[in-house]
Protein backbone atom coordinates (compact mmCIF):
# COMPACT_ATOMS: atom_id res chain seq x y z
CA UNK A 1 8.41 23.29 2.92
CA UNK A 2 11.83 21.75 3.34
CA UNK A 3 12.16 20.63 -0.41
CA UNK A 4 11.21 23.30 -2.74
CA UNK A 5 12.10 25.50 -5.68
CA UNK A 6 12.34 29.19 -5.93
CA UNK A 7 12.17 29.70 -9.80
CA UNK A 8 11.91 27.68 -12.98
CA UNK A 9 15.53 26.79 -13.18
CA UNK A 10 14.75 23.33 -11.99
CA UNK A 11 17.10 23.41 -8.92
CA UNK A 12 15.75 21.88 -5.88
CA UNK A 13 16.55 23.55 -2.45
CA UNK A 14 16.86 21.53 0.67
CA UNK A 15 16.22 23.74 3.80
CA UNK A 16 15.64 21.71 6.95
CA UNK A 17 14.87 22.81 10.51
CA UNK A 18 16.67 20.13 12.65
CA UNK A 19 17.26 16.63 11.69
CA UNK A 20 16.50 15.37 8.15
CA UNK A 21 15.65 11.65 7.66
CA UNK A 22 16.37 9.83 4.42
CA UNK A 23 12.78 9.72 3.64
CA UNK A 24 12.76 13.62 3.82
CA UNK A 25 15.35 13.52 1.11
CA UNK A 26 13.55 11.13 -1.33
CA UNK A 27 12.93 12.44 -4.85
CA UNK A 28 9.33 11.33 -4.53
CA UNK A 29 8.99 13.40 -1.31
CA UNK A 30 9.73 16.42 -3.41
CA UNK A 31 7.11 15.54 -5.96
CA UNK A 32 4.64 15.12 -2.94
CA UNK A 33 5.59 18.68 -1.79
CA UNK A 34 5.10 20.05 -5.18
CA UNK A 35 1.68 18.52 -5.32
CA UNK A 36 2.27 16.02 -8.16
CA UNK A 37 2.74 12.40 -8.55
CA UNK A 38 6.13 11.54 -10.04
CA UNK A 39 4.28 9.39 -12.70
CA UNK A 40 1.80 12.09 -13.52
CA UNK A 41 3.84 13.04 -16.48
CA UNK A 42 3.65 9.68 -18.12
CA UNK A 43 5.46 6.35 -17.74
CA UNK A 44 9.02 6.71 -16.63
CA UNK A 45 11.48 5.06 -18.93
CA UNK A 46 14.63 6.08 -17.29
CA UNK A 47 16.48 8.12 -14.79
CA UNK A 48 20.03 9.61 -14.86
CA UNK A 49 21.67 10.85 -11.72
CA UNK A 50 24.87 12.84 -12.54
CA UNK A 51 25.28 10.93 -16.07
CA UNK A 52 24.60 7.50 -14.36
CA UNK A 53 21.58 5.38 -15.00
CA UNK A 54 19.54 4.80 -11.76
CA UNK A 55 16.25 2.92 -11.07
CA UNK A 56 15.24 4.16 -7.63
CA UNK A 57 12.96 6.87 -9.06
CA UNK A 58 10.74 8.04 -6.20
CA UNK A 59 12.88 6.40 -3.50
CA UNK A 60 16.16 7.95 -4.73
CA UNK A 61 17.71 9.89 -1.70
CA UNK A 62 18.99 13.14 -3.18
CA UNK A 63 22.55 14.44 -2.48
CA UNK A 64 23.80 17.90 -2.72
CA UNK A 65 24.51 19.09 -6.27
CA UNK A 66 22.95 15.96 -7.87
CA UNK A 67 21.67 16.52 -11.49
CA UNK A 68 18.67 14.48 -11.98
CA UNK A 69 16.99 13.61 -15.27
CA UNK A 70 13.83 11.60 -15.59
CA UNK A 71 12.76 10.36 -18.89
CA UNK A 72 9.17 9.82 -19.70
CA UNK A 73 7.25 8.06 -22.30
């Protein structure tokens, strides 16, 4: 799959054949590819991207080198 991990480091790899749409880069799409619901770990209470609070959660369009932290209740 285009969005995946190779190990337990938490690093997401983006490897696309051809054109990637914004929806392909959404954080929620990674969870879908992973076979999980983004909310399956509990209620999301916050999200930080590169040290900045964000609220897009599953619709956040990931960028190269982003450090994404989800806080759950």
